[in-house]
C-alpha atoms as a PDB file:
ATOM      1  CA  MET A   1       0.000   0.000   0.000  1.00  0.00           C
ATOM      2  CA  ASN A   2       1.359   3.419  -0.876  1.00  0.00           C
ATOM      3  CA  GLU A   3       0.972   6.594   1.201  1.00  0.00           C
ATOM      4  CA  HIS A   4      -2.153   7.718  -0.711  1.00  0.00           C
ATOM      5  CA  GLU A   5      -4.187   4.564  -0.197  1.00  0.00           C
ATOM      6  CA  ILE A   6      -6.551   4.309   2.713  1.00  0.00           C
ATOM      7  CA  ASP A   7      -6.567   1.084   4.689  1.00  0.00           C
ATOM      8  CA  THR A   8     -10.278   0.268   5.010  1.00  0.00           C
ATOM      9  CA  PRO A   9     -11.627  -3.029   6.282  1.00  0.00           C
ATOM     10  CA  THR A  10     -13.288  -5.344   3.809  1.00  0.00           C
ATOM     11  CA  PHE A  11     -16.947  -6.146   4.202  1.00  0.00           C
ATOM     12  CA  GLU A  12     -16.075  -9.373   6.014  1.00  0.00           C
ATOM     13  CA  GLU A  13     -13.761  -7.536   8.429  1.00  0.00           C
ATOM     14  CA  ALA A  14     -16.144  -4.674   9.186  1.00  0.00           C
ATOM     15  CA  PRO A  15     -17.918  -4.884  12.534  1.00  0.00           C
ATOM     16  CA  ALA A  16     -21.593  -5.773  12.475  1.00  0.00           C
ATOM     17  CA  GLN A  17     -23.822  -2.702  12.575  1.00  0.00           C
ATOM     18  CA  VAL A  18     -27.081  -4.458  13.394  1.00  0.00           C
ATOM     19  CA  GLN A  19     -28.068  -4.646  17.029  1.00  0.00           C
ATOM     20  CA  GLY A  20     -31.283  -5.733  18.635  1.00  0.00           C
ATOM     21  CA  PRO A  21     -33.726  -8.332  17.365  1.00  0.00           C
ATOM     22  CA  LEU A  22     -34.420  -8.911  13.683  1.00  0.00           C
ATOM     23  CA  LEU A  23     -37.933  -7.733  12.950  1.00  0.00           C
ATOM     24  CA  THR A  24     -40.522  -8.890  10.462  1.00  0.00           C
ATOM     25  CA  ASP A  25     -42.786  -6.454   8.610  1.00  0.00           C
ATOM     26  CA  ALA A  26     -45.562  -7.490  11.010  1.00  0.00           C
ATOM     27  CA  ASP A  27     -43.333  -6.658  14.005  1.00  0.00           C
ATOM     28  CA  ILE A  28     -42.530  -3.250  12.552  1.00  0.00           C
ATOM     29  CA  GLU A  29     -46.213  -2.509  11.929  1.00  0.00           C
ATOM     30  CA  ARG A  30     -47.080  -3.623  15.475  1.00  0.00           C
ATOM     31  CA  HIS A  31     -44.435  -1.351  17.003  1.00  0.00           C
ATOM     32  CA  LEU A  32     -45.505   1.547  14.773  1.00  0.00           C
ATOM     33  CA  HIS A  33     -49.148   1.224  15.816  1.00  0.00           C
ATOM     34  CA  ALA A  34     -48.234   0.806  19.488  1.00  0.00           C
ATOM     35  CA  ILE A  35     -46.109   3.966  19.452  1.00  0.00           C
ATOM     36  CA  GLU A  36     -48.810   5.891  17.587  1.00  0.00           C
ATOM     37  CA  GLN A  37     -51.356   4.772  20.195  1.00  0.00           C
ATOM     38  CA  LEU A  38     -49.088   5.717  23.113  1.00  0.00           C
ATOM     39  CA  LEU A  39     -48.456   9.171  21.653  1.00  0.00           C
ATOM     40  CA  ASP A  40     -52.154   9.663  20.975  1.00  0.00           C
ATOM     41  CA  ASP A  41     -53.011   8.577  24.534  1.00  0.00           C
ATOM     42  CA  LYS A  42     -50.550  11.194  25.836  1.00  0.00           C
ATOM     43  CA  LYS A  43     -52.258  13.901  23.741  1.00  0.00           C
ATOM     44  CA  ALA A  44     -49.591  14.337  21.062  1.00  0.00           C
ATOM     45  CA  ILE A  45     -50.541  17.143  18.672  1.00  0.00           C
ATOM     46  CA  ASP A  46     -50.816  16.549  14.897  1.00  0.00           C
ATOM     47  CA  LEU A  47     -49.468  12.999  14.975  1.00  0.00           C
ATOM     48  CA  VAL A  48     -48.290  11.902  11.514  1.00  0.00           C
ATOM     49  CA  SER A  49     -46.534   8.757  10.285  1.00  0.00           C
ATOM     50  CA  ILE A  50     -44.533   8.817   7.064  1.00  0.00           C
ATOM     51  CA  ASP A  51     -43.851   5.559   5.234  1.00  0.00           C
ATOM     52  CA  LEU A  52     -40.284   5.746   3.919  1.00  0.00           C
ATOM     53  CA  ARG A  53     -39.921   2.130   2.828  1.00  0.00           C
ATOM     54  CA  GLU A  54     -40.046   2.944  -0.882  1.00  0.00           C
ATOM     55  CA  LYS A  55     -38.223   6.297  -0.556  1.00  0.00           C
ATOM     56  CA  SER A  56     -35.249   5.881   1.750  1.00  0.00           C
ATOM     57  CA  THR A  57     -32.993   3.324   3.389  1.00  0.00           C
ATOM     58  CA  MET A  58     -32.481   5.375   6.566  1.00  0.00           C
ATOM     59  CA  ALA A  59     -35.676   4.094   8.202  1.00  0.00           C
ATOM     60  CA  ASP A  60     -38.991   2.471   7.355  1.00  0.00           C
ATOM     61  CA  PHE A  61     -41.051   5.155   9.098  1.00  0.00           C
ATOM     62  CA  PHE A  62     -40.867   8.631  10.532  1.00  0.00           C
ATOM     63  CA  VAL A  63     -43.331   9.401  13.301  1.00  0.00           C
ATOM     64  CA  ILE A  64     -43.749  13.135  13.833  1.00  0.00           C
ATOM     65  CA  CYS A  65     -45.789  14.902  16.490  1.00  0.00           C
ATOM     66  CA  SER A  66     -45.785  18.040  18.587  1.00  0.00           C
ATOM     67  CA  GLY A  67     -46.072  18.802  22.252  1.00  0.00           C
ATOM     68  CA  ASN A  68     -47.672  21.933  23.677  1.00  0.00           C
ATOM     69  CA  SER A  69     -44.674  22.684  25.944  1.00  0.00           C
ATOM     70  CA  LYS A  70     -41.135  21.466  26.509  1.00  0.00           C
ATOM     71  CA  THR A  71     -42.410  19.417  29.432  1.00  0.00           C
ATOM     72  CA  HIS A  72     -45.071  17.809  27.227  1.00  0.00           C
ATOM     73  CA  THR A  73     -42.522  17.170  24.454  1.00  0.00           C
ATOM     74  CA  ARG A  74     -40.144  15.476  26.898  1.00  0.00           C
ATOM     75  CA  ALA A  75     -43.003  13.425  28.380  1.00  0.00           C
ATOM     76  CA  LEU A  76     -44.076  12.210  24.925  1.00  0.00           C
ATOM     77  CA  ALA A  77     -40.503  11.229  24.074  1.00  0.00           C
ATOM     78  CA  GLU A  78     -40.070   9.524  27.448  1.00  0.00           C
ATOM     79  CA  THR A  79     -43.191   7.442  26.805  1.00  0.00           C
ATOM     80  CA  VAL A  80     -41.754   6.225  23.495  1.00  0.00           C
ATOM     81  CA  HIS A  81     -38.364   5.631  25.121  1.00  0.00           C
ATOM     82  CA  HIS A  82     -39.916   3.423  27.832  1.00  0.00           C
ATOM     83  CA  TYR A  83     -41.864   1.428  25.242  1.00  0.00           C
ATOM     84  CA  VAL A  84     -38.779   0.855  23.100  1.00  0.00           C
ATOM     85  CA  LYS A  85     -36.693  -0.290  26.072  1.00  0.00           C
ATOM     86  CA  ASP A  86     -39.500  -2.508  27.420  1.00  0.00           C
ATOM     87  CA  GLU A  87     -39.782  -4.173  24.009  1.00  0.00           C
ATOM     88  CA  GLY A  88     -36.038  -4.853  23.919  1.00  0.00           C
ATOM     89  CA  LEU A  89     -35.472  -2.689  20.851  1.00  0.00           C
ATOM     90  CA  HIS A  90     -32.162  -0.953  20.288  1.00  0.00           C
ATOM     91  CA  ILE A  91     -32.007   2.836  20.491  1.00  0.00           C
ATOM     92  CA  TYR A  92     -29.401   4.026  18.007  1.00  0.00           C
ATOM     93  CA  SER A  93     -29.724   7.683  18.936  1.00  0.00           C
ATOM     94  CA  LEU A  94     -31.616   9.801  21.438  1.00  0.00           C
ATOM     95  CA  GLU A  95     -31.140  13.518  20.886  1.00  0.00           C
ATOM     96  CA  GLY A  96     -32.596  16.631  22.502  1.00  0.00           C
ATOM     97  CA  LYS A  97     -34.209  15.031  25.543  1.00  0.00           C
ATOM     98  CA  HIS A  98     -32.811  17.617  27.957  1.00  0.00           C
ATOM     99  CA  GLU A  99     -33.676  20.642  25.826  1.00  0.00           C
ATOM    100  CA  GLY A 100     -37.157  19.393  24.944  1.00  0.00           C
ATOM    101  CA  SER A 101     -37.649  21.506  21.826  1.00  0.00           C
ATOM    102  CA  TRP A 102     -37.038  18.641  19.389  1.00  0.00           C
ATOM    103  CA  VAL A 103     -36.492  15.142  20.714  1.00  0.00           C
ATOM    104  CA  LEU A 104     -35.392  12.511  18.210  1.00  0.00           C
ATOM    105  CA  LEU A 105     -35.399   8.781  18.921  1.00  0.00           C
ATOM    106  CA  ASP A 106     -33.796   6.582  16.272  1.00  0.00           C
ATOM    107  CA  VAL A 107     -34.850   2.958  16.649  1.00  0.00           C
ATOM    108  CA  GLY A 108     -33.397   1.883  13.314  1.00  0.00           C
ATOM    109  CA  PHE A 109     -36.573   0.986  11.484  1.00  0.00           C
ATOM    110  CA  MET A 110     -38.338   4.068  12.841  1.00  0.00           C
ATOM    111  CA  VAL A 111     -37.288   7.595  13.754  1.00  0.00           C
ATOM    112  CA  VAL A 112     -39.620   9.414  16.134  1.00  0.00           C
ATOM    113  CA  HIS A 113     -39.563  13.230  16.076  1.00  0.00           C
ATOM    114  CA  VAL A 114     -41.309  14.986  18.969  1.00  0.00           C
ATOM    115  CA  MET A 115     -41.147  18.725  18.382  1.00  0.00           C
ATOM    116  CA  GLN A 116     -42.336  22.065  19.633  1.00  0.00           C
ATOM    117  CA  GLN A 117     -44.789  23.487  17.107  1.00  0.00           C
ATOM    118  CA  THR A 118     -42.578  26.439  16.105  1.00  0.00           C
ATOM    119  CA  LEU A 119     -39.662  24.139  15.206  1.00  0.00           C
ATOM    120  CA  ARG A 120     -41.985  21.763  13.422  1.00  0.00           C
ATOM    121  CA  GLU A 121     -43.346  24.578  11.286  1.00  0.00           C
ATOM    122  CA  PHE A 122     -39.838  25.876  10.575  1.00  0.00           C
ATOM    123  CA  TYR A 123     -38.286  22.530   9.554  1.00  0.00           C
ATOM    124  CA  ASN A 124     -41.506  21.209   7.975  1.00  0.00           C
ATOM    125  CA  LEU A 125     -40.432  17.557   7.786  1.00  0.00           C
ATOM    126  CA  GLU A 126     -43.797  16.587   6.336  1.00  0.00           C
ATOM    127  CA  GLN A 127     -43.146  18.834   3.328  1.00  0.00           C
ATOM    128  CA  LEU A 128     -39.562  17.639   3.027  1.00  0.00           C
ATOM    129  CA  TRP A 129     -40.856  14.056   2.797  1.00  0.00           C
ATOM    130  CA  SER A 130     -44.048  14.918   0.888  1.00  0.00           C
ATOM    131  CA  HIS A 131     -43.158  12.409  -1.828  1.00  0.00           C
ATOM    132  CA  ALA A 132     -43.614   9.592   0.729  1.00  0.00           C
ATOM    133  CA  GLN A 133     -46.948   8.194   1.850  1.00  0.00           C
ATOM    134  CA  GLN A 134     -48.204  10.037   4.937  1.00  0.00           C
ATOM    135  CA  LYS A 135     -50.853   9.004   7.412  1.00  0.00           C
ATOM    136  CA  ASP A 136     -52.484  11.386   9.857  1.00  0.00           C
ATOM    137  CA  SER A 137     -52.491   9.310  13.021  1.00  0.00           C
ATOM    138  CA  SER A 138     -54.383  11.846  15.147  1.00  0.00           C
ATOM    139  CA  LYS A 139     -57.783  10.760  16.292  1.00  0.00           C
END
């Protein structure tokens, strides 16, 4: 190898990136509906699920909702966090839980965004992903 080549591991040498249980489509749908129901029960505002399966490899679904205060936003995110841990799912990232303006939970197959309404309007994730199938999950 010369000085300009980068020594990168081959596919076989690379560490496994998958953690947590392997999930079927039925498992994913069950977890999606359970999280939607939990958020709805906790009075999430404008709950929307976006199906990314045909549009992106980053996740199968985005779940987006708002809270009416930072306390409410943190409580909604905490509810999802408890469910995910109780179900033995792996949390790849949990961001913003202390601030409470925008809490993101990445569970691999699903990314849950719990946002204050002003940030939600500013970033407009629903518009950004408007080419994907969206479902209003609010009751």
